[in-house]
Amino acid sequence: MDESKIENVMSELLGEGYRIVRDNGELSPMIEWVDWAGDPDDEDDEERVEVNFADGTMETYPMGVELRQIWHEDAE
């Protein structure tokens, strides 16, 4: 993995084709798509980011969380 290619991004800016670099150095599967969920007009329904991966799994993050990502080709 080319660690110089790791980018710090906010959860809402995660990109398709990237992989999340976890705190322990492990990589997520490749991101297929990212959806914003929640009703911004409802104070009780916090906006969140739903990340869908190539292996069919999904993870949810609050908006504004800092994460690290790397382009899938640079992760190999």
N, C-alpha and C. Protein backbone atom coordinates (compact mmCIF):
# COMPACT_ATOMS: atom_id res chain seq x y z
N MET A 1 0.86 -1.18 0.00
CA MET A 1 0.00 0.00 0.00
C MET A 1 0.90 1.23 0.00
N ASP A 2 0.57 2.19 -0.86
CA ASP A 2 1.32 3.44 -0.93
C ASP A 2 0.72 4.41 0.08
N GLU A 3 1.29 4.45 1.28
CA GLU A 3 0.72 5.26 2.37
C GLU A 3 0.71 6.76 2.06
N SER A 4 1.53 7.22 1.12
CA SER A 4 1.53 8.64 0.76
C SER A 4 0.24 9.02 0.02
N LYS A 5 -0.51 8.03 -0.43
CA LYS A 5 -1.77 8.27 -1.15
C LYS A 5 -2.99 8.29 -0.24
N ILE A 6 -2.80 8.06 1.06
CA ILE A 6 -3.92 8.08 2.01
C ILE A 6 -4.39 9.52 2.19
N GLU A 7 -5.70 9.72 2.10
CA GLU A 7 -6.31 11.05 2.23
C GLU A 7 -7.17 11.09 3.49
N ASN A 8 -7.12 12.19 4.21
CA ASN A 8 -8.04 12.43 5.32
C ASN A 8 -9.26 13.14 4.76
N VAL A 9 -10.44 12.59 5.04
CA VAL A 9 -11.69 13.16 4.55
C VAL A 9 -12.76 13.10 5.63
N MET A 10 -13.74 13.94 5.50
CA MET A 10 -14.90 13.87 6.37
C MET A 10 -15.82 12.76 5.82
N SER A 11 -16.57 12.13 6.69
CA SER A 11 -17.40 10.98 6.31
C SER A 11 -18.29 11.28 5.11
N GLU A 12 -18.83 12.47 5.02
CA GLU A 12 -19.74 12.80 3.92
C GLU A 12 -19.02 12.97 2.58
N LEU A 13 -17.68 12.97 2.60
CA LEU A 13 -16.91 13.13 1.37
C LEU A 13 -16.20 11.85 0.94
N LEU A 14 -16.54 10.71 1.56
CA LEU A 14 -15.98 9.44 1.12
C LEU A 14 -16.34 9.22 -0.34
N GLY A 15 -15.42 8.61 -1.09
CA GLY A 15 -15.64 8.48 -2.52
C GLY A 15 -15.77 7.05 -3.02
N GLU A 16 -16.54 6.90 -4.07
CA GLU A 16 -16.68 5.61 -4.74
C GLU A 16 -15.33 5.21 -5.31
N GLY A 17 -15.00 3.92 -5.18
CA GLY A 17 -13.74 3.42 -5.69
C GLY A 17 -12.60 3.49 -4.68
N TYR A 18 -12.85 4.10 -3.55
CA TYR A 18 -11.85 4.19 -2.48
C TYR A 18 -12.07 3.07 -1.48
N ARG A 19 -11.08 2.87 -0.63
CA ARG A 19 -11.19 1.95 0.50
C ARG A 19 -10.89 2.74 1.77
N ILE A 20 -11.61 2.47 2.83
CA ILE A 20 -11.39 3.14 4.11
C ILE A 20 -10.18 2.49 4.79
N VAL A 21 -9.26 3.32 5.27
CA VAL A 21 -8.12 2.83 6.04
C VAL A 21 -8.51 2.95 7.51
N ARG A 22 -8.66 1.83 8.16
CA ARG A 22 -9.09 1.82 9.56
C ARG A 22 -7.94 2.21 10.48
N ASP A 23 -8.26 2.56 11.73
CA ASP A 23 -7.25 2.98 12.70
C ASP A 23 -6.18 1.93 12.92
N ASN A 24 -6.54 0.65 12.78
CA ASN A 24 -5.57 -0.42 12.99
C ASN A 24 -4.81 -0.78 11.72
N GLY A 25 -5.02 -0.01 10.64
CA GLY A 25 -4.33 -0.22 9.38
C GLY A 25 -5.03 -1.14 8.41
N GLU A 26 -6.08 -1.82 8.86
CA GLU A 26 -6.83 -2.70 7.96
C GLU A 26 -7.61 -1.85 6.95
N LEU A 27 -7.90 -2.47 5.81
CA LEU A 27 -8.63 -1.79 4.75
C LEU A 27 -10.04 -2.35 4.63
N SER A 28 -10.98 -1.47 4.35
CA SER A 28 -12.34 -1.90 4.06
C SER A 28 -12.38 -2.45 2.64
N PRO A 29 -13.47 -3.12 2.30
CA PRO A 29 -13.68 -3.44 0.88
C PRO A 29 -13.83 -2.11 0.10
N MET A 30 -13.79 -2.18 -1.21
CA MET A 30 -13.93 -0.97 -2.03
C MET A 30 -15.34 -0.39 -1.88
N ILE A 31 -15.42 0.93 -1.78
CA ILE A 31 -16.71 1.62 -1.67
C ILE A 31 -17.39 1.62 -3.03
N GLU A 32 -18.64 1.15 -3.07
CA GLU A 32 -19.44 1.19 -4.30
C GLU A 32 -20.26 2.46 -4.39
N TRP A 33 -20.93 2.83 -3.30
CA TRP A 33 -21.67 4.09 -3.30
C TRP A 33 -21.86 4.57 -1.87
N VAL A 34 -22.16 5.86 -1.77
CA VAL A 34 -22.35 6.52 -0.48
C VAL A 34 -23.67 7.26 -0.52
N ASP A 35 -24.51 7.04 0.49
CA ASP A 35 -25.80 7.73 0.60
C ASP A 35 -25.84 8.56 1.88
N TRP A 36 -26.49 9.69 1.79
CA TRP A 36 -26.77 10.47 2.99
C TRP A 36 -28.15 10.07 3.47
N ALA A 37 -28.28 9.83 4.76
CA ALA A 37 -29.57 9.40 5.32
C ALA A 37 -29.94 10.32 6.47
N GLY A 38 -31.21 10.35 6.78
CA GLY A 38 -31.71 11.19 7.86
C GLY A 38 -32.46 12.38 7.31
N ASP A 39 -33.30 12.93 8.14
CA ASP A 39 -34.13 14.07 7.75
C ASP A 39 -33.55 15.33 8.37
N PRO A 40 -32.97 16.22 7.55
CA PRO A 40 -32.36 17.44 8.10
C PRO A 40 -33.37 18.37 8.79
N ASP A 41 -34.65 18.18 8.50
CA ASP A 41 -35.68 19.02 9.12
C ASP A 41 -36.17 18.46 10.44
N ASP A 42 -35.75 17.25 10.79
CA ASP A 42 -36.17 16.60 12.03
C ASP A 42 -34.98 16.59 12.99
N GLU A 43 -35.07 17.37 14.05
CA GLU A 43 -33.97 17.51 15.01
C GLU A 43 -33.62 16.18 15.67
N ASP A 44 -34.55 15.25 15.76
CA ASP A 44 -34.31 13.96 16.41
C ASP A 44 -33.70 12.92 15.46
N ASP A 45 -33.66 13.23 14.17
CA ASP A 45 -33.13 12.28 13.18
C ASP A 45 -31.81 12.84 12.65
N GLU A 46 -30.71 12.42 13.29
CA GLU A 46 -29.40 12.93 12.90
C GLU A 46 -29.03 12.47 11.50
N GLU A 47 -28.44 13.39 10.73
CA GLU A 47 -27.95 13.01 9.41
C GLU A 47 -26.76 12.08 9.57
N ARG A 48 -26.68 11.11 8.68
CA ARG A 48 -25.60 10.14 8.73
C ARG A 48 -25.22 9.75 7.31
N VAL A 49 -24.11 9.06 7.21
CA VAL A 49 -23.59 8.61 5.92
C VAL A 49 -23.64 7.09 5.90
N GLU A 50 -24.29 6.53 4.88
CA GLU A 50 -24.35 5.08 4.72
C GLU A 50 -23.41 4.70 3.58
N VAL A 51 -22.39 3.91 3.91
CA VAL A 51 -21.36 3.52 2.95
C VAL A 51 -21.62 2.07 2.54
N ASN A 52 -21.79 1.86 1.25
CA ASN A 52 -22.07 0.53 0.70
C ASN A 52 -20.82 0.02 -0.02
N PHE A 53 -20.41 -1.19 0.33
CA PHE A 53 -19.16 -1.73 -0.18
C PHE A 53 -19.41 -2.78 -1.27
N ALA A 54 -18.34 -3.07 -2.04
CA ALA A 54 -18.41 -4.01 -3.15
C ALA A 54 -18.78 -5.42 -2.71
N ASP A 55 -18.52 -5.76 -1.46
CA ASP A 55 -18.85 -7.11 -0.97
C ASP A 55 -20.28 -7.22 -0.45
N GLY A 56 -21.07 -6.15 -0.61
CA GLY A 56 -22.47 -6.17 -0.19
C GLY A 56 -22.72 -5.70 1.23
N THR A 57 -21.66 -5.38 1.98
CA THR A 57 -21.84 -4.89 3.35
C THR A 57 -22.07 -3.38 3.34
N MET A 58 -22.54 -2.88 4.48
CA MET A 58 -22.78 -1.45 4.64
C MET A 58 -22.33 -1.03 6.03
N GLU A 59 -21.77 0.18 6.12
CA GLU A 59 -21.43 0.78 7.41
C GLU A 59 -22.03 2.16 7.46
N THR A 60 -22.39 2.61 8.66
CA THR A 60 -23.00 3.92 8.85
C THR A 60 -22.10 4.76 9.74
N TYR A 61 -21.90 6.03 9.35
CA TYR A 61 -21.09 6.97 10.11
C TYR A 61 -21.88 8.26 10.32
N PRO A 62 -21.68 8.93 11.44
CA PRO A 62 -22.28 10.24 11.61
C PRO A 62 -21.65 11.23 10.62
N MET A 63 -22.35 12.27 10.29
CA MET A 63 -21.78 13.33 9.46
C MET A 63 -20.66 14.01 10.24
N GLY A 64 -19.61 14.40 9.54
CA GLY A 64 -18.54 15.18 10.16
C GLY A 64 -17.48 14.37 10.87
N VAL A 65 -17.47 13.05 10.69
CA VAL A 65 -16.44 12.21 11.30
C VAL A 65 -15.24 12.17 10.34
N GLU A 66 -14.03 12.38 10.87
CA GLU A 66 -12.85 12.31 10.01
C GLU A 66 -12.42 10.87 9.84
N LEU A 67 -12.23 10.48 8.59
CA LEU A 67 -11.80 9.13 8.23
C LEU A 67 -10.63 9.24 7.26
N ARG A 68 -10.00 8.09 6.99
CA ARG A 68 -8.92 8.07 6.00
C ARG A 68 -9.33 7.12 4.88
N GLN A 69 -9.01 7.50 3.65
CA GLN A 69 -9.34 6.66 2.51
C GLN A 69 -8.16 6.62 1.54
N ILE A 70 -8.13 5.56 0.73
CA ILE A 70 -7.10 5.40 -0.29
C ILE A 70 -7.77 4.82 -1.52
N TRP A 71 -7.33 5.27 -2.72
CA TRP A 71 -7.85 4.75 -3.96
C TRP A 71 -7.53 3.27 -4.04
N HIS A 72 -8.49 2.46 -4.49
CA HIS A 72 -8.34 1.00 -4.44
C HIS A 72 -7.09 0.51 -5.16
N GLU A 73 -6.67 1.13 -6.23
CA GLU A 73 -5.47 0.69 -6.94
C GLU A 73 -4.19 1.00 -6.17
N ASP A 74 -4.23 2.04 -5.34
CA ASP A 74 -3.05 2.40 -4.53
C ASP A 74 -2.95 1.56 -3.26
N ALA A 75 -4.01 0.80 -2.97
CA ALA A 75 -4.04 0.00 -1.75
C ALA A 75 -3.41 -1.37 -1.96
N GLU A 76 -3.14 -1.72 -3.18
CA GLU A 76 -2.60 -3.06 -3.47
C GLU A 76 -1.09 -3.08 -3.43
